[in-house]
Amino acid sequence: MSTTDVAIPTLLHDSFIELSARERARALLDAGTFRELLGPFDRIESPWLPMQGIVCQVDDGVVIARGTIDGEPAVVAAIESAFQGGSIGEVSGSKIAGALELALRDCERGRIVRPVVLFETGGVRLQEANLGLAVIAEIQAAIIALRRHVPVVGVIAGMVGCFGGMSLAAALCSYLVVTKQGRLGMNGPEVIEQEAGIDELDASDRRRIWQLIGGEQRAVTGLADMLIQDDVATVHHAVRQAFARGVPATHRSEDVAAYLARLGEIDPVTVSPESMRAVFRSVADGKENV
């Protein structure tokens, strides 16, 4: 399958990026099947934020929804970027991990549940650092266990992107769908500038940032599987296509030797977006027909 955009008229689409996490989850599920678990009325929120003088959100910034995709049982975990930058804390992370673990239990019993994670996160919530990191590890373990039974599909639409420990979770997904507006990296541009200085990376240089870690670059270098337009129907179609592919023979995270070999070809002194494309293009080409 090609990583090129699905062609639709530019002016006749609804933005997926502009939707809230709850709206995104609803848009991916078959019409009329959306059912939220641990929603706002359950008042599942972080006990740590009030200590910092931060107003909590009663779903703690993560929406878990059950429903169907193409008539098959599905669960969607959607991160709300508008709350704490989509950061992952004890409660929000536990909701994602718990949803994936329940899906795993169903899969192990022969009832396949299709899992989708909508990444929109700067990583761990600093106010809950150790708890957040622990639960991100649980999310990663659940993805690895699940993908033996069913493809785990991740979506990075924008505008926050996906960073920190959750970028590793995204990399573990069977298939990763990205828009050009999405970004994927271990460290965010602001963190790199803060720690290494503006000579290393100017976080205000938006064009440069997207050249380095934007959705198009990640797709061309094989770190994402489908590059699509920011459109609700297109995202929905891409997720359905990802499940139609089935479980990959080899997941990206298992192909360690190939990636190490290609990293060995790169000179850190002269590395550029163009040189990364040249080295990793064969990886991307190999992913097209998974």
Protein backbone atom coordinates (compact mmCIF):
# COMPACT_ATOMS: atom_id res chain seq x y z
CA MET A 1 0.00 0.00 0.00
CA SER A 2 1.40 3.40 -0.92
CA THR A 3 2.22 5.99 1.72
CA THR A 4 0.93 8.78 -0.50
CA ASP A 5 -2.11 10.85 0.39
CA VAL A 6 -5.55 9.51 -0.34
CA ALA A 7 -6.83 11.84 -3.05
CA ILE A 8 -9.91 13.89 -2.16
CA PRO A 9 -10.90 17.43 -3.15
CA THR A 10 -8.93 19.88 -1.01
CA LEU A 11 -11.87 22.15 -0.22
CA LEU A 12 -14.39 19.42 0.50
CA HIS A 13 -13.22 17.91 3.78
CA ASP A 14 -13.69 18.15 7.53
CA SER A 15 -10.55 18.54 9.64
CA PHE A 16 -9.77 15.65 11.97
CA ILE A 17 -7.18 17.78 13.77
CA GLU A 18 -9.78 20.33 14.82
CA LEU A 19 -11.88 17.70 16.61
CA SER A 20 -11.68 17.09 20.35
CA ALA A 21 -10.51 13.69 21.58
CA ARG A 22 -14.10 12.59 22.15
CA GLU A 23 -15.14 13.70 18.67
CA ARG A 24 -12.14 11.93 17.12
CA ALA A 25 -13.02 8.66 18.84
CA ARG A 26 -16.64 8.93 17.74
CA ALA A 27 -15.57 9.69 14.14
CA LEU A 28 -13.49 6.50 13.88
CA LEU A 29 -16.19 4.14 15.13
CA ASP A 30 -19.13 2.96 13.04
CA ALA A 31 -22.06 5.35 13.24
CA GLY A 32 -24.23 4.82 16.30
CA THR A 33 -21.82 2.45 18.08
CA PHE A 34 -19.85 4.93 20.22
CA ARG A 35 -20.01 4.09 23.93
CA GLU A 36 -17.69 5.89 26.34
CA LEU A 37 -16.09 4.11 29.28
CA LEU A 38 -15.10 6.05 32.42
CA GLY A 39 -16.49 9.26 31.01
CA PRO A 40 -16.76 12.68 32.68
CA PHE A 41 -19.69 11.70 34.89
CA ASP A 42 -17.53 9.00 36.48
CA ARG A 43 -15.19 11.80 37.64
CA ILE A 44 -11.98 9.84 37.14
CA GLU A 45 -9.34 12.53 37.63
CA SER A 46 -5.80 12.93 38.88
CA PRO A 47 -5.42 13.36 42.66
CA TRP A 48 -2.07 15.09 42.13
CA LEU A 49 -3.00 18.14 40.08
CA PRO A 50 -4.88 20.04 42.85
CA MET A 51 -1.68 19.99 44.90
CA GLN A 52 -0.13 22.06 42.12
CA GLY A 53 -3.07 24.45 41.98
CA ILE A 54 -4.14 22.96 38.63
CA VAL A 55 -7.83 22.50 37.87
CA CYS A 56 -8.53 18.85 37.06
CA GLN A 57 -10.51 17.53 34.15
CA VAL A 58 -13.03 14.86 35.05
CA ASP A 59 -11.89 12.41 32.36
CA ASP A 60 -8.23 13.35 33.01
CA GLY A 61 -7.65 14.12 29.36
CA VAL A 62 -8.18 10.64 27.93
CA VAL A 63 -11.33 9.31 26.26
CA ILE A 64 -11.91 5.56 26.07
CA ALA A 65 -14.64 4.43 23.69
CA ARG A 66 -16.02 1.05 22.66
CA GLY A 67 -17.89 0.42 19.46
CA THR A 68 -17.27 -1.26 16.13
CA ILE A 69 -15.07 -0.62 13.09
CA ASP A 70 -16.40 -2.26 9.94
CA GLY A 71 -18.77 -4.18 12.19
CA GLU A 72 -15.96 -5.66 14.29
CA PRO A 73 -15.59 -4.89 18.04
CA ALA A 74 -13.14 -2.03 18.61
CA VAL A 75 -11.74 0.14 21.37
CA VAL A 76 -10.37 3.65 20.81
CA ALA A 77 -8.13 5.49 23.29
CA ALA A 78 -8.01 9.18 22.39
CA ILE A 79 -5.72 11.69 24.13
CA GLU A 80 -7.00 15.25 24.56
CA SER A 81 -4.25 17.71 23.66
CA ALA A 82 -6.17 20.65 25.10
CA PHE A 83 -5.70 19.34 28.65
CA GLN A 84 -2.15 19.53 30.02
CA GLY A 85 -0.75 19.23 26.49
CA GLY A 86 -2.01 15.66 26.25
CA SER A 87 0.44 14.66 28.97
CA ILE A 88 0.19 11.19 30.51
CA GLY A 89 -0.28 10.84 34.25
CA GLU A 90 -1.31 8.08 36.62
CA VAL A 91 -5.04 8.16 35.85
CA SER A 92 -5.01 9.05 32.15
CA GLY A 93 -2.33 6.47 31.42
CA SER A 94 -4.10 3.79 33.46
CA LYS A 95 -7.23 4.33 31.39
CA ILE A 96 -5.29 3.60 28.18
CA ALA A 97 -3.39 0.65 29.67
CA GLY A 98 -6.56 -0.79 31.19
CA ALA A 99 -8.48 -0.50 27.92
CA LEU A 100 -5.70 -2.26 26.00
CA GLU A 101 -5.39 -4.97 28.67
CA LEU A 102 -9.14 -5.65 28.52
CA ALA A 103 -8.90 -5.89 24.74
CA LEU A 104 -6.03 -8.34 25.17
CA ARG A 105 -8.11 -10.46 27.53
CA ASP A 106 -10.88 -10.62 24.93
CA CYS A 107 -8.42 -11.50 22.16
CA GLU A 108 -6.91 -14.30 24.24
CA ARG A 109 -10.43 -15.72 24.63
CA GLY A 110 -10.95 -15.69 20.88
CA ARG A 111 -13.02 -12.51 20.68
CA ILE A 112 -10.89 -10.14 18.61
CA VAL A 113 -11.14 -6.46 19.54
CA ARG A 114 -9.58 -3.88 17.23
CA PRO A 115 -7.45 -1.37 19.22
CA VAL A 116 -6.77 2.21 18.07
CA VAL A 117 -4.68 4.79 19.96
CA LEU A 118 -5.00 8.45 18.98
CA PHE A 119 -1.69 9.99 20.06
CA GLU A 120 -1.68 13.69 20.86
CA THR A 121 0.81 14.04 23.67
CA GLY A 122 3.99 15.70 24.83
CA GLY A 123 4.80 12.63 26.93
CA VAL A 124 4.74 12.09 30.65
CA ARG A 125 3.01 14.62 32.93
CA LEU A 126 5.81 16.22 34.91
CA GLN A 127 3.65 16.57 38.03
CA GLU A 128 3.30 12.78 38.07
CA ALA A 129 6.61 11.83 36.53
CA ASN A 130 7.37 8.44 38.14
CA LEU A 131 3.73 7.34 38.12
CA GLY A 132 3.34 8.50 34.54
CA LEU A 133 6.47 6.71 33.37
CA ALA A 134 5.36 3.50 35.06
CA VAL A 135 1.99 3.54 33.37
CA ILE A 136 3.53 4.34 29.96
CA ALA A 137 5.55 1.15 30.39
CA GLU A 138 2.26 -0.68 31.01
CA ILE A 139 0.83 0.81 27.81
CA GLN A 140 3.86 -0.33 25.84
CA ALA A 141 3.66 -3.85 27.29
CA ALA A 142 -0.03 -4.07 26.44
CA ILE A 143 0.61 -3.00 22.83
CA ILE A 144 3.31 -5.67 22.40
CA ALA A 145 1.04 -8.36 23.85
CA LEU A 146 -1.97 -7.26 21.78
CA ARG A 147 -0.21 -7.07 18.43
CA ARG A 148 0.33 -10.84 18.47
CA HIS A 149 -3.42 -11.23 18.04
CA VAL A 150 -4.61 -8.15 16.14
CA PRO A 151 -3.04 -5.09 14.51
CA VAL A 152 -2.66 -2.17 16.93
CA VAL A 153 -3.24 1.03 14.96
CA GLY A 154 -1.85 4.40 16.07
CA VAL A 155 -2.81 7.80 14.65
CA ILE A 156 -0.80 11.02 15.00
CA ALA A 157 -2.81 13.84 13.50
CA GLY A 158 -1.54 17.08 15.13
CA MET A 159 -1.03 19.70 16.32
CA VAL A 160 0.80 18.61 19.51
CA GLY A 161 2.31 15.50 17.96
CA CYS A 162 3.72 12.57 19.91
CA PHE A 163 6.81 12.79 22.11
CA GLY A 164 8.54 11.24 25.11
CA GLY A 165 7.70 7.73 26.25
CA MET A 166 4.52 7.80 24.20
CA SER A 167 6.59 8.14 21.03
CA LEU A 168 7.98 4.70 21.89
CA ALA A 169 4.44 3.42 22.35
CA ALA A 170 3.57 4.79 18.91
CA ALA A 171 6.62 3.06 17.42
CA LEU A 172 5.42 -0.25 18.85
CA CYS A 173 2.09 -0.05 17.00
CA SER A 174 1.56 -2.46 14.13
CA TYR A 175 0.65 0.45 11.84
CA LEU A 176 1.11 4.16 12.35
CA VAL A 177 -1.06 6.66 10.45
CA VAL A 178 0.18 10.28 10.26
CA THR A 179 -0.81 13.56 8.67
CA LYS A 180 1.69 16.13 7.41
CA GLN A 181 0.76 18.28 10.40
CA GLY A 182 1.64 15.52 12.87
CA ARG A 183 5.05 15.23 14.51
CA LEU A 184 6.87 12.28 16.06
CA GLY A 185 10.04 12.39 18.13
CA MET A 186 11.59 11.20 21.35
CA ASN A 187 12.19 14.76 22.55
CA GLY A 188 10.18 17.82 21.60
CA PRO A 189 11.90 20.77 19.90
CA GLU A 190 11.56 23.00 22.96
CA VAL A 191 13.23 20.38 25.17
CA ILE A 192 16.12 19.95 22.72
CA GLU A 193 16.66 23.72 22.52
CA GLN A 194 16.51 24.04 26.30
CA GLU A 195 19.01 21.26 26.94
CA ALA A 196 21.37 21.59 23.97
CA GLY A 197 20.99 25.25 23.02
CA ILE A 198 19.54 27.11 20.08
CA ASP A 199 22.60 26.31 17.94
CA GLU A 200 21.54 22.66 18.11
CA LEU A 201 17.89 23.32 17.30
CA ASP A 202 15.83 26.49 17.03
CA ALA A 203 12.38 25.48 18.30
CA SER A 204 10.83 28.53 16.62
CA ASP A 205 11.94 27.38 13.14
CA ARG A 206 8.71 25.60 12.26
CA ARG A 207 9.77 24.71 8.72
CA ARG A 208 12.92 23.03 10.03
CA ILE A 209 11.03 21.20 12.76
CA TRP A 210 8.59 19.65 10.31
CA GLN A 211 11.44 18.76 7.94
CA LEU A 212 13.05 16.80 10.77
CA ILE A 213 10.15 15.18 12.59
CA GLY A 214 6.98 15.99 10.62
CA GLY A 215 4.55 13.37 9.40
CA GLU A 216 5.82 13.39 5.82
CA GLN A 217 9.43 12.87 6.90
CA ARG A 218 8.43 10.03 9.23
CA ALA A 219 6.48 8.29 6.48
CA VAL A 220 9.25 8.64 3.89
CA THR A 221 11.82 7.24 6.33
CA GLY A 222 9.65 4.26 7.26
CA LEU A 223 8.79 5.29 10.82
CA ALA A 224 5.13 5.68 9.84
CA ASP A 225 3.11 3.52 7.48
CA MET A 226 0.49 5.82 5.98
CA LEU A 227 0.69 9.53 5.24
CA ILE A 228 -2.79 10.98 4.81
CA GLN A 229 -4.64 14.24 4.45
CA ASP A 230 -6.21 15.91 7.48
CA ASP A 231 -9.74 14.77 6.83
CA VAL A 232 -12.18 12.84 9.02
CA ALA A 233 -13.26 10.43 6.28
CA THR A 234 -9.67 9.86 5.17
CA VAL A 235 -8.47 9.03 8.69
CA HIS A 236 -11.39 6.66 9.13
CA HIS A 237 -10.60 4.98 5.81
CA ALA A 238 -6.88 4.65 6.68
CA VAL A 239 -7.65 2.98 10.02
CA ARG A 240 -9.97 0.50 8.32
CA GLN A 241 -7.31 -0.25 5.71
CA ALA A 242 -4.71 -0.82 8.43
CA PHE A 243 -6.87 -3.48 10.06
CA ALA A 244 -7.54 -5.03 6.67
CA ARG A 245 -3.80 -5.65 6.27
CA GLY A 246 -3.75 -8.00 9.24
CA VAL A 247 -0.89 -8.56 11.67
CA PRO A 248 2.49 -7.76 10.05
CA ALA A 249 4.92 -10.64 9.57
CA THR A 250 7.53 -8.47 11.29
CA HIS A 251 6.80 -5.40 13.36
CA ARG A 252 8.98 -2.34 12.91
CA SER A 253 10.34 -2.60 16.46
CA GLU A 254 11.47 -6.17 15.82
CA ASP A 255 13.61 -5.21 12.81
CA VAL A 256 16.45 -4.02 15.02
CA ALA A 257 19.37 -5.19 12.89
CA ALA A 258 18.16 -3.35 9.78
CA TYR A 259 17.72 -0.07 11.62
CA LEU A 260 21.09 -0.34 13.38
CA ALA A 261 22.76 -0.98 10.04
CA ARG A 262 21.22 2.12 8.54
CA LEU A 263 22.05 4.25 11.56
CA GLY A 264 25.65 3.13 11.07
CA GLU A 265 25.59 4.75 7.62
CA ILE A 266 24.77 8.18 9.03
CA ASP A 267 27.42 10.75 9.91
CA PRO A 268 26.04 12.71 12.91
CA VAL A 269 28.07 15.75 11.89
CA THR A 270 26.41 16.08 8.51
CA VAL A 271 23.01 14.56 9.20
CA SER A 272 20.10 16.29 7.49
CA PRO A 273 16.47 15.50 6.59
CA GLU A 274 17.64 14.69 3.06
CA SER A 275 20.37 12.30 4.21
CA MET A 276 17.92 10.54 6.51
CA ARG A 277 15.56 10.03 3.58
CA ALA A 278 18.35 8.63 1.44
CA VAL A 279 19.40 6.09 4.09
CA PHE A 280 15.96 5.04 5.28
CA ARG A 281 14.02 5.13 2.03
CA SER A 282 14.55 1.40 1.47
CA VAL A 283 12.92 0.74 4.84
CA ALA A 284 9.92 2.85 3.83
CA ASP A 285 9.68 1.13 0.46
CA GLY A 286 9.72 -2.23 2.21
CA LYS A 287 6.76 -1.22 4.37
CA GLU A 288 4.52 -0.28 1.46
CA ASN A 289 3.36 -3.82 0.72
CA VAL A 290 3.07 -5.12 4.29
